[in-house]
Amino acid sequence: MVTTAVDRDGERLTVMTDGGGGNGNGQDDEATARRLIAAWLAGDAEPPAVPSTGAARPTGALPPAWSVPPAAAREVVTTARRMALGGLAGRARPTPGADDLLLARVLVVDEHPSAPTWTEDERAELAGWVAVLLRRFGEDGVQRLSAALSARP
């Protein structure tokens, strides 16, 4: 079971999926979580039915919500990796859990304006580094990443 909690202005949303997913790789769980979170953030009472296409963003979904400039996946991964490992000299890298990975994927990686052009491997690699940022710094880690990506020439 995957449980994901998101706070917004003192409200708490918890998305629970049973891990059954139907296809064995969690894509249905991810699509369900994405649909519920997007509807909640948009203030909809009832989430829209969005089919899982296996693409970075299901057809008909909201436009990307992460307001950073378009960029190549390698550039975003490199920046996220550098920030995730910053200050860890000689210490072990935190291991993100399934919840961290799901949040990273649904609320950050797939919301990048260039995500639809990235490969699945690139999105997965970035999700791993964003999950480490979340584990180490919480939402501040994503805010720092956003600032770094927005500051590039």
N, C-alpha and C. Protein backbone atom coordinates (compact mmCIF):
# COMPACT_ATOMS: atom_id res chain seq x y z
N MET A 1 0.85 -1.17 0.00
CA MET A 1 0.00 0.00 0.00
C MET A 1 0.89 1.23 0.00
N VAL A 2 0.53 2.20 -0.81
CA VAL A 2 1.24 3.46 -0.87
C VAL A 2 0.32 4.51 -0.27
N THR A 3 0.82 5.27 0.69
CA THR A 3 0.06 6.35 1.28
C THR A 3 0.86 7.62 1.05
N THR A 4 0.22 8.63 0.51
CA THR A 4 0.87 9.88 0.21
C THR A 4 0.08 11.00 0.86
N ALA A 5 0.73 11.86 1.62
CA ALA A 5 0.05 12.98 2.26
C ALA A 5 0.64 14.27 1.72
N VAL A 6 -0.22 15.22 1.43
CA VAL A 6 0.19 16.51 0.90
C VAL A 6 -0.52 17.59 1.71
N ASP A 7 0.21 18.59 2.18
CA ASP A 7 -0.40 19.71 2.90
C ASP A 7 -0.55 20.90 1.97
N ARG A 8 -1.68 21.61 2.10
CA ARG A 8 -1.89 22.83 1.35
C ARG A 8 -2.68 23.76 2.23
N ASP A 9 -2.07 24.87 2.64
CA ASP A 9 -2.74 25.87 3.46
C ASP A 9 -3.45 25.25 4.66
N GLY A 10 -2.76 24.39 5.37
CA GLY A 10 -3.33 23.78 6.56
C GLY A 10 -4.25 22.61 6.32
N GLU A 11 -4.57 22.33 5.06
CA GLU A 11 -5.39 21.18 4.73
C GLU A 11 -4.47 20.00 4.46
N ARG A 12 -4.96 18.80 4.68
CA ARG A 12 -4.15 17.61 4.44
C ARG A 12 -4.90 16.67 3.53
N LEU A 13 -4.25 16.25 2.47
CA LEU A 13 -4.80 15.28 1.54
C LEU A 13 -3.98 14.01 1.68
N THR A 14 -4.66 12.90 1.83
CA THR A 14 -3.97 11.62 1.87
C THR A 14 -4.49 10.77 0.73
N VAL A 15 -3.59 10.31 -0.10
CA VAL A 15 -3.94 9.44 -1.21
C VAL A 15 -3.40 8.06 -0.87
N MET A 16 -4.28 7.08 -0.83
CA MET A 16 -3.87 5.71 -0.51
C MET A 16 -4.17 4.83 -1.71
N THR A 17 -3.19 4.07 -2.12
CA THR A 17 -3.39 3.11 -3.20
C THR A 17 -2.99 1.75 -2.68
N ASP A 18 -3.61 0.73 -3.21
CA ASP A 18 -3.37 -0.61 -2.68
C ASP A 18 -2.18 -1.31 -3.29
N GLY A 19 -1.54 -0.69 -4.25
CA GLY A 19 -0.36 -1.29 -4.85
C GLY A 19 -0.70 -2.36 -5.87
N GLY A 20 -1.99 -2.68 -6.01
CA GLY A 20 -2.41 -3.71 -6.96
C GLY A 20 -2.22 -3.26 -8.38
N GLY A 21 -2.53 -2.02 -8.66
CA GLY A 21 -2.23 -1.38 -9.92
C GLY A 21 -2.66 -2.07 -11.18
N GLY A 22 -2.98 -3.31 -11.17
CA GLY A 22 -3.44 -4.00 -12.36
C GLY A 22 -2.34 -4.40 -13.32
N ASN A 23 -1.35 -3.53 -13.55
CA ASN A 23 -0.33 -3.86 -14.54
C ASN A 23 1.00 -4.25 -13.89
N GLY A 24 1.04 -4.28 -12.58
CA GLY A 24 2.22 -4.78 -11.89
C GLY A 24 3.36 -3.80 -11.73
N ASN A 25 3.26 -2.60 -12.31
CA ASN A 25 4.38 -1.68 -12.17
C ASN A 25 4.01 -0.36 -11.54
N GLY A 26 2.81 -0.25 -10.99
CA GLY A 26 2.43 0.94 -10.27
C GLY A 26 1.91 2.09 -11.11
N GLN A 27 1.86 1.95 -12.43
CA GLN A 27 1.39 3.05 -13.27
C GLN A 27 -0.05 3.43 -12.95
N ASP A 28 -0.91 2.44 -12.68
CA ASP A 28 -2.29 2.76 -12.33
C ASP A 28 -2.34 3.49 -11.00
N ASP A 29 -1.52 3.08 -10.03
CA ASP A 29 -1.47 3.77 -8.76
C ASP A 29 -1.02 5.21 -8.95
N GLU A 30 -0.01 5.40 -9.77
CA GLU A 30 0.50 6.74 -10.03
C GLU A 30 -0.55 7.59 -10.72
N ALA A 31 -1.24 7.04 -11.70
CA ALA A 31 -2.28 7.79 -12.41
C ALA A 31 -3.41 8.16 -11.46
N THR A 32 -3.79 7.25 -10.58
CA THR A 32 -4.84 7.53 -9.61
C THR A 32 -4.41 8.65 -8.68
N ALA A 33 -3.19 8.56 -8.16
CA ALA A 33 -2.69 9.60 -7.26
C ALA A 33 -2.61 10.94 -7.99
N ARG A 34 -2.11 10.94 -9.22
CA ARG A 34 -1.99 12.17 -10.01
C ARG A 34 -3.38 12.80 -10.21
N ARG A 35 -4.35 11.99 -10.56
CA ARG A 35 -5.71 12.47 -10.83
C ARG A 35 -6.32 13.09 -9.56
N LEU A 36 -6.16 12.40 -8.43
CA LEU A 36 -6.73 12.89 -7.18
C LEU A 36 -6.05 14.17 -6.71
N ILE A 37 -4.73 14.20 -6.77
CA ILE A 37 -3.99 15.37 -6.32
C ILE A 37 -4.26 16.56 -7.23
N ALA A 38 -4.28 16.36 -8.54
CA ALA A 38 -4.56 17.46 -9.47
C ALA A 38 -5.95 18.04 -9.21
N ALA A 39 -6.93 17.17 -8.99
CA ALA A 39 -8.29 17.64 -8.72
C ALA A 39 -8.34 18.41 -7.40
N TRP A 40 -7.65 17.90 -6.41
CA TRP A 40 -7.64 18.57 -5.11
C TRP A 40 -6.99 19.94 -5.20
N LEU A 41 -5.85 20.01 -5.88
CA LEU A 41 -5.15 21.29 -6.02
C LEU A 41 -5.97 22.29 -6.83
N ALA A 42 -6.75 21.78 -7.79
CA ALA A 42 -7.60 22.65 -8.60
C ALA A 42 -8.88 23.03 -7.87
N GLY A 43 -9.16 22.37 -6.74
CA GLY A 43 -10.35 22.67 -5.98
C GLY A 43 -11.59 21.94 -6.46
N ASP A 44 -11.43 20.95 -7.34
CA ASP A 44 -12.58 20.19 -7.83
C ASP A 44 -13.07 19.24 -6.76
N ALA A 45 -14.39 19.12 -6.65
CA ALA A 45 -14.97 18.18 -5.70
C ALA A 45 -14.81 16.75 -6.19
N GLU A 46 -14.92 16.55 -7.48
CA GLU A 46 -14.85 15.22 -8.07
C GLU A 46 -13.72 15.20 -9.10
N PRO A 47 -12.73 14.33 -8.96
CA PRO A 47 -11.64 14.31 -9.93
C PRO A 47 -12.13 13.83 -11.29
N PRO A 48 -11.58 14.40 -12.36
CA PRO A 48 -11.97 13.97 -13.70
C PRO A 48 -11.43 12.57 -14.00
N ALA A 49 -12.11 11.85 -14.84
CA ALA A 49 -11.63 10.54 -15.27
C ALA A 49 -10.53 10.77 -16.29
N VAL A 50 -9.31 10.35 -15.96
CA VAL A 50 -8.16 10.54 -16.84
C VAL A 50 -7.54 9.18 -17.10
N PRO A 51 -7.53 8.71 -18.36
CA PRO A 51 -6.95 7.40 -18.63
C PRO A 51 -5.43 7.43 -18.47
N SER A 52 -4.86 6.32 -18.05
CA SER A 52 -3.42 6.21 -17.96
C SER A 52 -2.89 5.82 -19.33
N THR A 53 -2.02 6.67 -19.89
CA THR A 53 -1.51 6.43 -21.23
C THR A 53 -0.08 5.92 -21.22
N GLY A 54 0.57 5.96 -20.05
CA GLY A 54 1.98 5.57 -19.98
C GLY A 54 2.90 6.72 -20.37
N ALA A 55 2.33 7.84 -20.82
CA ALA A 55 3.12 9.01 -21.17
C ALA A 55 3.43 9.78 -19.88
N ALA A 56 4.23 10.83 -20.01
CA ALA A 56 4.58 11.62 -18.84
C ALA A 56 3.35 12.21 -18.18
N ARG A 57 2.34 12.57 -18.97
CA ARG A 57 1.13 13.16 -18.46
C ARG A 57 -0.04 12.58 -19.22
N PRO A 58 -1.07 12.09 -18.52
CA PRO A 58 -2.21 11.52 -19.22
C PRO A 58 -2.87 12.53 -20.14
N THR A 59 -3.43 12.03 -21.25
CA THR A 59 -4.12 12.88 -22.21
C THR A 59 -5.24 13.63 -21.52
N GLY A 60 -5.34 14.92 -21.80
CA GLY A 60 -6.41 15.72 -21.25
C GLY A 60 -6.13 16.26 -19.86
N ALA A 61 -4.94 16.01 -19.32
CA ALA A 61 -4.63 16.48 -17.97
C ALA A 61 -4.33 17.97 -18.00
N LEU A 62 -4.22 18.56 -16.82
CA LEU A 62 -3.89 19.96 -16.71
C LEU A 62 -2.51 20.23 -17.27
N PRO A 63 -2.22 21.46 -17.72
CA PRO A 63 -0.88 21.78 -18.19
C PRO A 63 0.11 21.69 -17.03
N PRO A 64 1.41 21.64 -17.34
CA PRO A 64 2.41 21.53 -16.29
C PRO A 64 2.25 22.62 -15.23
N ALA A 65 2.39 22.23 -13.97
CA ALA A 65 2.21 23.17 -12.88
C ALA A 65 3.52 23.71 -12.32
N TRP A 66 4.65 23.10 -12.70
CA TRP A 66 5.93 23.54 -12.18
C TRP A 66 6.43 24.67 -13.05
N SER A 67 6.47 25.88 -12.52
CA SER A 67 6.83 27.04 -13.31
C SER A 67 8.34 27.26 -13.34
N VAL A 68 8.99 26.43 -14.13
CA VAL A 68 10.42 26.57 -14.40
C VAL A 68 10.57 26.58 -15.92
N PRO A 69 11.69 27.11 -16.42
CA PRO A 69 11.88 27.14 -17.87
C PRO A 69 12.05 25.73 -18.44
N PRO A 70 11.66 25.53 -19.69
CA PRO A 70 11.92 24.24 -20.34
C PRO A 70 13.42 23.94 -20.31
N ALA A 71 13.76 22.67 -20.22
CA ALA A 71 15.17 22.28 -20.16
C ALA A 71 15.32 20.82 -20.56
N ALA A 72 16.51 20.48 -20.98
CA ALA A 72 16.82 19.09 -21.28
C ALA A 72 16.85 18.30 -19.98
N ALA A 73 16.46 17.05 -20.05
CA ALA A 73 16.42 16.21 -18.86
C ALA A 73 17.77 16.15 -18.17
N ARG A 74 18.85 16.01 -18.93
CA ARG A 74 20.19 15.87 -18.34
C ARG A 74 20.52 17.09 -17.49
N GLU A 75 20.15 18.27 -17.94
CA GLU A 75 20.43 19.49 -17.18
C GLU A 75 19.65 19.50 -15.85
N VAL A 76 18.39 19.09 -15.89
CA VAL A 76 17.57 19.08 -14.67
C VAL A 76 18.07 17.99 -13.72
N VAL A 77 18.39 16.82 -14.25
CA VAL A 77 18.91 15.73 -13.41
C VAL A 77 20.22 16.15 -12.76
N THR A 78 21.12 16.75 -13.51
CA THR A 78 22.42 17.18 -12.98
C THR A 78 22.24 18.19 -11.85
N THR A 79 21.33 19.13 -12.04
CA THR A 79 21.07 20.14 -11.00
C THR A 79 20.48 19.49 -9.76
N ALA A 80 19.50 18.62 -9.94
CA ALA A 80 18.85 17.94 -8.81
C ALA A 80 19.86 17.06 -8.06
N ARG A 81 20.70 16.35 -8.80
CA ARG A 81 21.70 15.48 -8.18
C ARG A 81 22.69 16.30 -7.35
N ARG A 82 23.18 17.39 -7.93
CA ARG A 82 24.15 18.26 -7.22
C ARG A 82 23.53 18.77 -5.92
N MET A 83 22.28 19.20 -5.99
CA MET A 83 21.61 19.74 -4.80
C MET A 83 21.31 18.65 -3.78
N ALA A 84 20.92 17.48 -4.24
CA ALA A 84 20.58 16.37 -3.34
C ALA A 84 21.81 15.88 -2.57
N LEU A 85 22.97 15.93 -3.22
CA LEU A 85 24.20 15.44 -2.60
C LEU A 85 24.97 16.54 -1.86
N GLY A 86 24.56 17.79 -2.04
CA GLY A 86 25.25 18.92 -1.41
C GLY A 86 25.33 18.77 0.10
N GLY A 87 26.54 18.92 0.64
CA GLY A 87 26.74 18.86 2.07
C GLY A 87 26.80 17.46 2.66
N LEU A 88 26.82 16.45 1.82
CA LEU A 88 26.84 15.07 2.32
C LEU A 88 28.23 14.46 2.32
N ALA A 89 29.26 15.24 2.11
CA ALA A 89 30.62 14.70 2.04
C ALA A 89 30.90 13.77 3.22
N GLY A 90 31.19 12.52 2.89
CA GLY A 90 31.52 11.54 3.91
C GLY A 90 30.33 10.91 4.61
N ARG A 91 29.13 11.33 4.29
CA ARG A 91 27.94 10.75 4.92
C ARG A 91 27.13 10.00 3.87
N ALA A 92 26.36 9.06 4.32
CA ALA A 92 25.53 8.25 3.42
C ALA A 92 24.38 9.08 2.85
N ARG A 93 24.07 8.83 1.61
CA ARG A 93 22.94 9.48 0.96
C ARG A 93 21.64 8.90 1.53
N PRO A 94 20.68 9.75 1.89
CA PRO A 94 19.40 9.23 2.38
C PRO A 94 18.72 8.38 1.31
N THR A 95 18.05 7.33 1.75
CA THR A 95 17.32 6.46 0.84
C THR A 95 15.85 6.86 0.85
N PRO A 96 15.35 7.36 -0.28
CA PRO A 96 13.93 7.76 -0.30
C PRO A 96 13.02 6.53 -0.28
N GLY A 97 11.87 6.69 0.33
CA GLY A 97 10.88 5.63 0.36
C GLY A 97 9.94 5.72 -0.83
N ALA A 98 9.03 4.78 -0.91
CA ALA A 98 8.06 4.75 -2.01
C ALA A 98 7.21 6.01 -2.03
N ASP A 99 6.84 6.53 -0.85
CA ASP A 99 6.05 7.75 -0.79
C ASP A 99 6.82 8.93 -1.38
N ASP A 100 8.10 9.03 -1.03
CA ASP A 100 8.94 10.11 -1.56
C ASP A 100 9.00 10.03 -3.08
N LEU A 101 9.19 8.82 -3.60
CA LEU A 101 9.28 8.64 -5.05
C LEU A 101 7.97 9.00 -5.75
N LEU A 102 6.85 8.60 -5.16
CA LEU A 102 5.56 8.92 -5.76
C LEU A 102 5.31 10.42 -5.77
N LEU A 103 5.58 11.08 -4.64
CA LEU A 103 5.43 12.53 -4.59
C LEU A 103 6.35 13.21 -5.60
N ALA A 104 7.61 12.77 -5.66
CA ALA A 104 8.56 13.36 -6.59
C ALA A 104 8.06 13.23 -8.02
N ARG A 105 7.59 12.06 -8.37
CA ARG A 105 7.15 11.80 -9.74
C ARG A 105 5.89 12.60 -10.08
N VAL A 106 4.88 12.50 -9.23
CA VAL A 106 3.58 13.08 -9.54
C VAL A 106 3.55 14.60 -9.40
N LEU A 107 4.16 15.12 -8.34
CA LEU A 107 4.05 16.55 -8.06
C LEU A 107 5.20 17.39 -8.58
N VAL A 108 6.30 16.75 -8.98
CA VAL A 108 7.44 17.53 -9.44
C VAL A 108 7.85 17.14 -10.85
N VAL A 109 8.36 15.94 -11.04
CA VAL A 109 8.94 15.54 -12.32
C VAL A 109 7.94 15.69 -13.47
N ASP A 110 6.77 15.10 -13.34
CA ASP A 110 5.80 15.14 -14.44
C ASP A 110 5.16 16.51 -14.60
N GLU A 111 5.43 17.43 -13.68
CA GLU A 111 4.92 18.79 -13.80
C GLU A 111 5.92 19.73 -14.47
N HIS A 112 7.12 19.23 -14.79
CA HIS A 112 8.10 20.05 -15.50
C HIS A 112 7.60 20.27 -16.92
N PRO A 113 7.70 21.48 -17.45
CA PRO A 113 7.18 21.74 -18.80
C PRO A 113 7.82 20.91 -19.90
N SER A 114 9.03 20.39 -19.68
CA SER A 114 9.70 19.58 -20.70
C SER A 114 9.52 18.08 -20.49
N ALA A 115 8.86 17.67 -19.42
CA ALA A 115 8.73 16.25 -19.09
C ALA A 115 8.17 15.39 -20.22
N PRO A 116 7.20 15.88 -21.00
CA PRO A 116 6.68 15.03 -22.08
C PRO A 116 7.72 14.65 -23.14
N THR A 117 8.82 15.40 -23.20
CA THR A 117 9.86 15.10 -24.19
C THR A 117 10.96 14.18 -23.64
N TRP A 118 10.92 13.92 -22.35
CA TRP A 118 11.95 13.09 -21.72
C TRP A 118 11.58 11.62 -21.82
N THR A 119 12.59 10.77 -21.76
CA THR A 119 12.35 9.33 -21.77
C THR A 119 11.89 8.88 -20.37
N GLU A 120 11.35 7.69 -20.31
CA GLU A 120 10.93 7.14 -19.02
C GLU A 120 12.13 6.99 -18.09
N ASP A 121 13.28 6.58 -18.61
CA ASP A 121 14.49 6.45 -17.79
C ASP A 121 14.92 7.80 -17.23
N GLU A 122 14.85 8.85 -18.03
CA GLU A 122 15.21 10.19 -17.55
C GLU A 122 14.26 10.65 -16.45
N ARG A 123 12.97 10.42 -16.65
CA ARG A 123 11.99 10.81 -15.62
C ARG A 123 12.21 10.02 -14.33
N ALA A 124 12.51 8.73 -14.46
CA ALA A 124 12.75 7.91 -13.28
C ALA A 124 14.01 8.36 -12.53
N GLU A 125 15.07 8.67 -13.27
CA GLU A 125 16.30 9.13 -12.64
C GLU A 125 16.06 10.44 -11.90
N LEU A 126 15.37 11.37 -12.54
CA LEU A 126 15.08 12.65 -11.88
C LEU A 126 14.20 12.44 -10.66
N ALA A 127 13.21 11.58 -10.75
CA ALA A 127 12.34 11.30 -9.60
C ALA A 127 13.17 10.80 -8.41
N GLY A 128 14.17 9.98 -8.67
CA GLY A 128 15.02 9.49 -7.60
C GLY A 128 15.76 10.61 -6.89
N TRP A 129 16.31 11.56 -7.66
CA TRP A 129 17.04 12.67 -7.05
C TRP A 129 16.10 13.65 -6.36
N VAL A 130 14.95 13.90 -6.95
CA VAL A 130 13.97 14.78 -6.30
C VAL A 130 13.48 14.13 -5.00
N ALA A 131 13.32 12.82 -5.00
CA ALA A 131 12.91 12.12 -3.77
C ALA A 131 13.96 12.28 -2.67
N VAL A 132 15.24 12.26 -3.04
CA VAL A 132 16.30 12.50 -2.05
C VAL A 132 16.19 13.93 -1.52
N LEU A 133 15.93 14.89 -2.41
CA LEU A 133 15.73 16.28 -1.97
C LEU A 133 14.56 16.36 -0.99
N LEU A 134 13.47 15.68 -1.32
CA LEU A 134 12.31 15.68 -0.42
C LEU A 134 12.66 15.05 0.92
N ARG A 135 13.39 13.96 0.91
CA ARG A 135 13.76 13.27 2.14
C ARG A 135 14.65 14.17 3.00
N ARG A 136 15.59 14.86 2.37
CA ARG A 136 16.54 15.70 3.12
C ARG A 136 15.95 17.03 3.56
N PHE A 137 15.20 17.68 2.66
CA PHE A 137 14.81 19.07 2.92
C PHE A 137 13.31 19.33 2.88
N GLY A 138 12.53 18.32 2.59
CA GLY A 138 11.08 18.53 2.46
C GLY A 138 10.78 19.42 1.27
N GLU A 139 9.71 20.19 1.38
CA GLU A 139 9.31 21.08 0.29
C GLU A 139 10.38 22.11 -0.03
N ASP A 140 11.17 22.49 0.97
CA ASP A 140 12.26 23.45 0.73
C ASP A 140 13.23 22.94 -0.32
N GLY A 141 13.44 21.63 -0.38
CA GLY A 141 14.33 21.07 -1.39
C GLY A 141 13.81 21.32 -2.80
N VAL A 142 12.52 21.18 -2.99
CA VAL A 142 11.92 21.44 -4.30
C VAL A 142 11.97 22.93 -4.61
N GLN A 143 11.73 23.77 -3.60
CA GLN A 143 11.81 25.22 -3.81
C GLN A 143 13.23 25.63 -4.22
N ARG A 144 14.22 25.04 -3.59
CA ARG A 144 15.62 25.34 -3.94
C ARG A 144 15.93 24.88 -5.37
N LEU A 145 15.42 23.71 -5.73
CA LEU A 145 15.62 23.21 -7.09
C LEU A 145 14.94 24.14 -8.09
N SER A 146 13.74 24.58 -7.79
CA SER A 146 13.02 25.51 -8.68
C SER A 146 13.82 26.79 -8.88
N ALA A 147 14.35 27.32 -7.79
CA ALA A 147 15.14 28.55 -7.88
C ALA A 147 16.38 28.34 -8.74
N ALA A 148 17.06 27.22 -8.54
CA ALA A 148 18.27 26.94 -9.32
C ALA A 148 17.95 26.78 -10.79
N LEU A 149 16.87 26.09 -11.12
CA LEU A 149 16.49 25.89 -12.53
C LEU A 149 16.01 27.19 -13.17
N SER A 150 15.39 28.04 -12.39
CA SER A 150 14.89 29.32 -12.92
C SER A 150 16.00 30.35 -13.10
N ALA A 151 17.10 30.18 -12.36
CA ALA A 151 18.20 31.15 -12.40
C ALA A 151 19.17 30.92 -13.53
N ARG A 152 19.05 29.79 -14.20
CA ARG A 152 20.02 29.48 -15.27
C ARG A 152 19.83 30.45 -16.44
N PRO A 153 20.93 30.74 -17.17
CA PRO A 153 20.83 31.70 -18.29
C PRO A 153 19.99 31.18 -19.43
